[in-house]
Amino acid sequence: MFTLSNARFAFLDIETTGLSPWFGDRICQIAVILTEGKRIKSTVDLLLNPEHEISPAAAHINGLDESRLAKSAAL
């Protein structure tokens, strides 16, 4: 029988350099958390070099800065 307390979930979070892809904003972080019930089974957190300047508002919200992203792999 299915119970929500033992269900498996994957939570996905994507951070970007801003909210305007038509002005060049890009993905700069992808994170996934796999859970089973109340337990975290595994996590993945990837920083990506967007090769684009991060907007001040996005940097404030996601806590990322250009120097950290520049050291990451480019897409």
PDB file of N, CA and C in Angstrom:
ATOM      1  N   MET A   1       0.844  -1.181   0.000  1.00  0.00           N
ATOM      2  CA  MET A   1       0.000   0.000   0.000  1.00  0.00           C
ATOM      3  C   MET A   1       0.887   1.242   0.000  1.00  0.00           C
ATOM      4  N   PHE A   2       0.501   2.219  -0.793  1.00  0.00           N
ATOM      5  CA  PHE A   2       1.255   3.456  -0.895  1.00  0.00           C
ATOM      6  C   PHE A   2       0.980   4.342   0.313  1.00  0.00           C
ATOM      7  N   THR A   3       2.072   4.787   0.952  1.00  0.00           N
ATOM      8  CA  THR A   3       1.935   5.775   2.023  1.00  0.00           C
ATOM      9  C   THR A   3       2.875   6.925   1.707  1.00  0.00           C
ATOM     10  N   LEU A   4       2.381   8.118   1.897  1.00  0.00           N
ATOM     11  CA  LEU A   4       3.171   9.299   1.607  1.00  0.00           C
ATOM     12  C   LEU A   4       4.415   9.378   2.485  1.00  0.00           C
ATOM     13  N   SER A   5       4.347   8.834   3.689  1.00  0.00           N
ATOM     14  CA  SER A   5       5.490   8.910   4.603  1.00  0.00           C
ATOM     15  C   SER A   5       6.686   8.098   4.124  1.00  0.00           C
ATOM     16  N   ASN A   6       6.484   7.149   3.206  1.00  0.00           N
ATOM     17  CA  ASN A   6       7.597   6.359   2.665  1.00  0.00           C
ATOM     18  C   ASN A   6       7.814   6.587   1.178  1.00  0.00           C
ATOM     19  N   ALA A   7       7.160   7.573   0.608  1.00  0.00           N
ATOM     20  CA  ALA A   7       7.242   7.825  -0.830  1.00  0.00           C
ATOM     21  C   ALA A   7       8.618   8.361  -1.216  1.00  0.00           C
ATOM     22  N   ARG A   8       8.973   8.119  -2.454  1.00  0.00           N
ATOM     23  CA  ARG A   8      10.219   8.630  -3.003  1.00  0.00           C
ATOM     24  C   ARG A   8       9.912   9.870  -3.838  1.00  0.00           C
ATOM     25  N   PHE A   9      10.727  10.899  -3.636  1.00  0.00           N
ATOM     26  CA  PHE A   9      10.572  12.133  -4.383  1.00  0.00           C
ATOM     27  C   PHE A   9      11.929  12.615  -4.874  1.00  0.00           C
ATOM     28  N   ALA A  10      11.913  13.311  -5.995  1.00  0.00           N
ATOM     29  CA  ALA A  10      13.100  14.004  -6.496  1.00  0.00           C
ATOM     30  C   ALA A  10      12.732  15.478  -6.583  1.00  0.00           C
ATOM     31  N   PHE A  11      13.506  16.320  -5.919  1.00  0.00           N
ATOM     32  CA  PHE A  11      13.295  17.765  -5.935  1.00  0.00           C
ATOM     33  C   PHE A  11      14.370  18.387  -6.825  1.00  0.00           C
ATOM     34  N   LEU A  12      13.926  19.203  -7.767  1.00  0.00           N
ATOM     35  CA  LEU A  12      14.823  19.831  -8.725  1.00  0.00           C
ATOM     36  C   LEU A  12      14.812  21.341  -8.501  1.00  0.00           C
ATOM     37  N   ASP A  13      16.002  21.944  -8.470  1.00  0.00           N
ATOM     38  CA  ASP A  13      16.125  23.393  -8.337  1.00  0.00           C
ATOM     39  C   ASP A  13      17.107  23.871  -9.397  1.00  0.00           C
ATOM     40  N   ILE A  14      16.697  24.877 -10.148  1.00  0.00           N
ATOM     41  CA  ILE A  14      17.548  25.451 -11.185  1.00  0.00           C
ATOM     42  C   ILE A  14      17.695  26.932 -10.924  1.00  0.00           C
ATOM     43  N   GLU A  15      18.944  27.405 -10.884  1.00  0.00           N
ATOM     44  CA  GLU A  15      19.222  28.829 -10.694  1.00  0.00           C
ATOM     45  C   GLU A  15      19.719  29.397 -12.019  1.00  0.00           C
ATOM     46  N   THR A  16      19.396  30.650 -12.268  1.00  0.00           N
ATOM     47  CA  THR A  16      19.786  31.300 -13.510  1.00  0.00           C
ATOM     48  C   THR A  16      20.466  32.631 -13.224  1.00  0.00           C
ATOM     49  N   THR A  17      21.059  33.193 -14.272  1.00  0.00           N
ATOM     50  CA  THR A  17      21.728  34.480 -14.136  1.00  0.00           C
ATOM     51  C   THR A  17      20.744  35.640 -14.150  1.00  0.00           C
ATOM     52  N   GLY A  18      19.495  35.359 -14.397  1.00  0.00           N
ATOM     53  CA  GLY A  18      18.440  36.373 -14.440  1.00  0.00           C
ATOM     54  C   GLY A  18      17.171  35.752 -14.991  1.00  0.00           C
ATOM     55  N   LEU A  19      16.192  36.578 -15.301  1.00  0.00           N
ATOM     56  CA  LEU A  19      14.886  36.068 -15.732  1.00  0.00           C
ATOM     57  C   LEU A  19      14.592  36.298 -17.212  1.00  0.00           C
ATOM     58  N   SER A  20      15.582  36.651 -17.997  1.00  0.00           N
ATOM     59  CA  SER A  20      15.349  37.013 -19.392  1.00  0.00           C
ATOM     60  C   SER A  20      16.211  36.189 -20.351  1.00  0.00           C
ATOM     61  N   PRO A  21      15.777  34.982 -20.700  1.00  0.00           N
ATOM     62  CA  PRO A  21      16.584  34.190 -21.634  1.00  0.00           C
ATOM     63  C   PRO A  21      16.735  34.871 -22.992  1.00  0.00           C
ATOM     64  N   TRP A  22      15.775  35.672 -23.389  1.00  0.00           N
ATOM     65  CA  TRP A  22      15.875  36.376 -24.672  1.00  0.00           C
ATOM     66  C   TRP A  22      16.925  37.483 -24.631  1.00  0.00           C
ATOM     67  N   PHE A  23      17.402  37.854 -23.423  1.00  0.00           N
ATOM     68  CA  PHE A  23      18.504  38.806 -23.283  1.00  0.00           C
ATOM     69  C   PHE A  23      19.804  38.102 -22.889  1.00  0.00           C
ATOM     70  N   GLY A  24      19.815  36.766 -22.965  1.00  0.00           N
ATOM     71  CA  GLY A  24      21.036  36.010 -22.743  1.00  0.00           C
ATOM     72  C   GLY A  24      21.191  35.368 -21.379  1.00  0.00           C
ATOM     73  N   ASP A  25      20.224  35.523 -20.474  1.00  0.00           N
ATOM     74  CA  ASP A  25      20.351  34.868 -19.164  1.00  0.00           C
ATOM     75  C   ASP A  25      20.360  33.355 -19.330  1.00  0.00           C
ATOM     76  N   ARG A  26      21.165  32.690 -18.496  1.00  0.00           N
ATOM     77  CA  ARG A  26      21.401  31.253 -18.636  1.00  0.00           C
ATOM     78  C   ARG A  26      21.345  30.543 -17.292  1.00  0.00           C
ATOM     79  N   ILE A  27      21.282  29.238 -17.361  1.00  0.00           N
ATOM     80  CA  ILE A  27      21.331  28.401 -16.166  1.00  0.00           C
ATOM     81  C   ILE A  27      22.741  28.439 -15.591  1.00  0.00           C
ATOM     82  N   CYS A  28      22.842  28.595 -14.251  1.00  0.00           N
ATOM     83  CA  CYS A  28      24.168  28.618 -13.623  1.00  0.00           C
ATOM     84  C   CYS A  28      24.287  27.586 -12.489  1.00  0.00           C
ATOM     85  N   GLN A  29      23.175  26.968 -12.077  1.00  0.00           N
ATOM     86  CA  GLN A  29      23.250  25.925 -11.049  1.00  0.00           C
ATOM     87  C   GLN A  29      22.066  24.987 -11.199  1.00  0.00           C
ATOM     88  N   ILE A  30      22.338  23.686 -11.044  1.00  0.00           N
ATOM     89  CA  ILE A  30      21.301  22.665 -11.042  1.00  0.00           C
ATOM     90  C   ILE A  30      21.510  21.823  -9.790  1.00  0.00           C
ATOM     91  N   ALA A  31      20.442  21.630  -9.031  1.00  0.00           N
ATOM     92  CA  ALA A  31      20.522  20.796  -7.824  1.00  0.00           C
ATOM     93  C   ALA A  31      19.349  19.817  -7.811  1.00  0.00           C
ATOM     94  N   VAL A  32      19.628  18.581  -7.386  1.00  0.00           N
ATOM     95  CA  VAL A  32      18.594  17.553  -7.265  1.00  0.00           C
ATOM     96  C   VAL A  32      18.778  16.879  -5.913  1.00  0.00           C
ATOM     97  N   ILE A  33      17.677  16.703  -5.205  1.00  0.00           N
ATOM     98  CA  ILE A  33      17.696  15.971  -3.937  1.00  0.00           C
ATOM     99  C   ILE A  33      16.730  14.801  -4.070  1.00  0.00           C
ATOM    100  N   LEU A  34      17.211  13.584  -3.815  1.00  0.00           N
ATOM    101  CA  LEU A  34      16.370  12.399  -3.829  1.00  0.00           C
ATOM    102  C   LEU A  34      16.045  12.017  -2.389  1.00  0.00           C
ATOM    103  N   THR A  35      14.754  11.870  -2.112  1.00  0.00           N
ATOM    104  CA  THR A  35      14.326  11.532  -0.754  1.00  0.00           C
ATOM    105  C   THR A  35      13.506  10.245  -0.762  1.00  0.00           C
ATOM    106  N   GLU A  36      13.481   9.626   0.390  1.00  0.00           N
ATOM    107  CA  GLU A  36      12.594   8.485   0.634  1.00  0.00           C
ATOM    108  C   GLU A  36      12.012   8.685   2.024  1.00  0.00           C
ATOM    109  N   GLY A  37      10.725   8.959   2.080  1.00  0.00           N
ATOM    110  CA  GLY A  37      10.130   9.346   3.356  1.00  0.00           C
ATOM    111  C   GLY A  37      10.745  10.653   3.813  1.00  0.00           C
ATOM    112  N   LYS A  38      11.208  10.681   5.040  1.00  0.00           N
ATOM    113  CA  LYS A  38      11.844  11.887   5.582  1.00  0.00           C
ATOM    114  C   LYS A  38      13.358  11.866   5.424  1.00  0.00           C
ATOM    115  N   ARG A  39      13.887  10.837   4.759  1.00  0.00           N
ATOM    116  CA  ARG A  39      15.333  10.681   4.618  1.00  0.00           C
ATOM    117  C   ARG A  39      15.817  11.196   3.268  1.00  0.00           C
ATOM    118  N   ILE A  40      16.921  11.907   3.276  1.00  0.00           N
ATOM    119  CA  ILE A  40      17.587  12.312   2.042  1.00  0.00           C
ATOM    120  C   ILE A  40      18.498  11.157   1.630  1.00  0.00           C
ATOM    121  N   LYS A  41      18.251  10.622   0.438  1.00  0.00           N
ATOM    122  CA  LYS A  41      19.023   9.483  -0.042  1.00  0.00           C
ATOM    123  C   LYS A  41      20.281   9.933  -0.790  1.00  0.00           C
ATOM    124  N   SER A  42      20.154  10.984  -1.597  1.00  0.00           N
ATOM    125  CA  SER A  42      21.326  11.495  -2.296  1.00  0.00           C
ATOM    126  C   SER A  42      21.057  12.904  -2.812  1.00  0.00           C
ATOM    127  N   THR A  43      22.152  13.601  -3.087  1.00  0.00           N
ATOM    128  CA  THR A  43      22.048  14.966  -3.610  1.00  0.00           C
ATOM    129  C   THR A  43      23.057  15.155  -4.740  1.00  0.00           C
ATOM    130  N   VAL A  44      22.710  16.037  -5.647  1.00  0.00           N
ATOM    131  CA  VAL A  44      23.603  16.443  -6.722  1.00  0.00           C
ATOM    132  C   VAL A  44      23.519  17.961  -6.794  1.00  0.00           C
ATOM    133  N   ASP A  45      24.646  18.633  -6.822  1.00  0.00           N
ATOM    134  CA  ASP A  45      24.684  20.090  -6.892  1.00  0.00           C
ATOM    135  C   ASP A  45      25.770  20.480  -7.897  1.00  0.00           C
ATOM    136  N   LEU A  46      25.346  20.993  -9.047  1.00  0.00           N
ATOM    137  CA  LEU A  46      26.280  21.334 -10.110  1.00  0.00           C
ATOM    138  C   LEU A  46      26.292  22.843 -10.347  1.00  0.00           C
ATOM    139  N   LEU A  47      27.463  23.427 -10.285  1.00  0.00           N
ATOM    140  CA  LEU A  47      27.632  24.821 -10.693  1.00  0.00           C
ATOM    141  C   LEU A  47      28.083  24.820 -12.143  1.00  0.00           C
ATOM    142  N   LEU A  48      27.506  25.710 -12.930  1.00  0.00           N
ATOM    143  CA  LEU A  48      27.832  25.800 -14.346  1.00  0.00           C
ATOM    144  C   LEU A  48      28.314  27.202 -14.661  1.00  0.00           C
ATOM    145  N   ASN A  49      29.320  27.295 -15.487  1.00  0.00           N
ATOM    146  CA  ASN A  49      29.796  28.596 -15.928  1.00  0.00           C
ATOM    147  C   ASN A  49      28.871  29.066 -17.052  1.00  0.00           C
ATOM    148  N   PRO A  50      28.014  30.052 -16.785  1.00  0.00           N
ATOM    149  CA  PRO A  50      27.061  30.471 -17.807  1.00  0.00           C
ATOM    150  C   PRO A  50      27.692  31.315 -18.905  1.00  0.00           C
ATOM    151  N   GLU A  51      28.945  31.725 -18.713  1.00  0.00           N
ATOM    152  CA  GLU A  51      29.629  32.602 -19.653  1.00  0.00           C
ATOM    153  C   GLU A  51      28.762  33.828 -19.958  1.00  0.00           C
ATOM    154  N   HIS A  52      28.131  34.308 -18.913  1.00  0.00           N
ATOM    155  CA  HIS A  52      27.251  35.480 -18.993  1.00  0.00           C
ATOM    156  C   HIS A  52      27.250  36.115 -17.610  1.00  0.00           C
ATOM    157  N   GLU A  53      27.190  37.424 -17.562  1.00  0.00           N
ATOM    158  CA  GLU A  53      27.177  38.140 -16.286  1.00  0.00           C
ATOM    159  C   GLU A  53      25.905  37.814 -15.506  1.00  0.00           C
ATOM    160  N   ILE A  54      26.047  37.629 -14.202  1.00  0.00           N
ATOM    161  CA  ILE A  54      24.892  37.366 -13.346  1.00  0.00           C
ATOM    162  C   ILE A  54      24.311  38.702 -12.883  1.00  0.00           C
ATOM    163  N   SER A  55      22.983  38.823 -12.945  1.00  0.00           N
ATOM    164  CA  SER A  55      22.363  40.089 -12.548  1.00  0.00           C
ATOM    165  C   SER A  55      22.478  40.268 -11.029  1.00  0.00           C
ATOM    166  N   PRO A  56      22.529  41.496 -10.547  1.00  0.00           N
ATOM    167  CA  PRO A  56      22.612  41.734  -9.102  1.00  0.00           C
ATOM    168  C   PRO A  56      21.444  41.106  -8.341  1.00  0.00           C
ATOM    169  N   ALA A  57      20.242  41.153  -8.906  1.00  0.00           N
ATOM    170  CA  ALA A  57      19.079  40.564  -8.232  1.00  0.00           C
ATOM    171  C   ALA A  57      19.213  39.051  -8.121  1.00  0.00           C
ATOM    172  N   ALA A  58      19.672  38.390  -9.191  1.00  0.00           N
ATOM    173  CA  ALA A  58      19.859  36.938  -9.155  1.00  0.00           C
ATOM    174  C   ALA A  58      20.954  36.558  -8.168  1.00  0.00           C
ATOM    175  N   ALA A  59      22.042  37.312  -8.143  1.00  0.00           N
ATOM    176  CA  ALA A  59      23.129  37.042  -7.203  1.00  0.00           C
ATOM    177  C   ALA A  59      22.648  37.172  -5.760  1.00  0.00           C
ATOM    178  N   HIS A  60      21.792  38.150  -5.507  1.00  0.00           N
ATOM    179  CA  HIS A  60      21.254  38.343  -4.157  1.00  0.00           C
ATOM    180  C   HIS A  60      20.362  37.170  -3.754  1.00  0.00           C
ATOM    181  N   ILE A  61      19.552  36.684  -4.680  1.00  0.00           N
ATOM    182  CA  ILE A  61      18.611  35.601  -4.375  1.00  0.00           C
ATOM    183  C   ILE A  61      19.314  34.255  -4.243  1.00  0.00           C
ATOM    184  N   ASN A  62      20.189  33.920  -5.198  1.00  0.00           N
ATOM    185  CA  ASN A  62      20.780  32.581  -5.169  1.00  0.00           C
ATOM    186  C   ASN A  62      22.132  32.504  -4.461  1.00  0.00           C
ATOM    187  N   GLY A  63      22.698  33.642  -4.084  1.00  0.00           N
ATOM    188  CA  GLY A  63      23.943  33.642  -3.327  1.00  0.00           C
ATOM    189  C   GLY A  63      25.180  33.277  -4.124  1.00  0.00           C
ATOM    190  N   LEU A  64      25.057  33.231  -5.440  1.00  0.00           N
ATOM    191  CA  LEU A  64      26.200  32.902  -6.277  1.00  0.00           C
ATOM    192  C   LEU A  64      26.888  34.173  -6.739  1.00  0.00           C
ATOM    193  N   ASP A  65      28.174  34.059  -7.031  1.00  0.00           N
ATOM    194  CA  ASP A  65      28.887  35.213  -7.565  1.00  0.00           C
ATOM    195  C   ASP A  65      29.714  34.781  -8.770  1.00  0.00           C
ATOM    196  N   GLU A  66      30.127  35.754  -9.539  1.00  0.00           N
ATOM    197  CA  GLU A  66      30.840  35.502 -10.797  1.00  0.00           C
ATOM    198  C   GLU A  66      32.113  34.683 -10.595  1.00  0.00           C
ATOM    199  N   SER A  67      32.832  34.934  -9.506  1.00  0.00           N
ATOM    200  CA  SER A  67      34.102  34.219  -9.300  1.00  0.00           C
ATOM    201  C   SER A  67      33.877  32.724  -9.082  1.00  0.00           C
ATOM    202  N   ARG A  68      32.830  32.341  -8.358  1.00  0.00           N
ATOM    203  CA  ARG A  68      32.525  30.919  -8.158  1.00  0.00           C
ATOM    204  C   ARG A  68      32.084  30.259  -9.461  1.00  0.00           C
ATOM    205  N   LEU A  69      31.266  30.961 -10.231  1.00  0.00           N
ATOM    206  CA  LEU A  69      30.755  30.383 -11.472  1.00  0.00           C
ATOM    207  C   LEU A  69      31.843  30.286 -12.535  1.00  0.00           C
ATOM    208  N   ALA A  70      32.774  31.226 -12.551  1.00  0.00           N
ATOM    209  CA  ALA A  70      33.843  31.219 -13.559  1.00  0.00           C
ATOM    210  C   ALA A  70      34.738  29.990 -13.421  1.00  0.00           C
ATOM    211  N   LYS A  71      34.829  29.423 -12.224  1.00  0.00           N
ATOM    212  CA  LYS A  71      35.656  28.247 -11.977  1.00  0.00           C
ATOM    213  C   LYS A  71      34.958  26.957 -12.372  1.00  0.00           C
ATOM    214  N   SER A  72      33.670  27.031 -12.731  1.00  0.00           N
ATOM    215  CA  SER A  72      32.865  25.852 -13.047  1.00  0.00           C
ATOM    216  C   SER A  72      32.969  25.524 -14.523  1.00  0.00           C
ATOM    217  N   ALA A  73      32.503  24.331 -14.864  1.00  0.00           N
ATOM    218  CA  ALA A  73      32.511  23.896 -16.262  1.00  0.00           C
ATOM    219  C   ALA A  73      31.474  24.660 -17.065  1.00  0.00           C
ATOM    220  N   ALA A  74      31.816  24.995 -18.293  1.00  0.00           N
ATOM    221  CA  ALA A  74      30.884  25.664 -19.198  1.00  0.00           C
ATOM    222  C   ALA A  74      30.012  24.631 -19.879  1.00  0.00           C
ATOM    223  N   LEU A  75      28.822  25.030 -20.271  1.00  0.00           N
ATOM    224  CA  LEU A  75      27.931  24.123 -21.011  1.00  0.00           C
ATOM    225  C   LEU A  75      28.322  24.069 -22.467  1.00  0.00           C
TER     226      LEU A  75
END
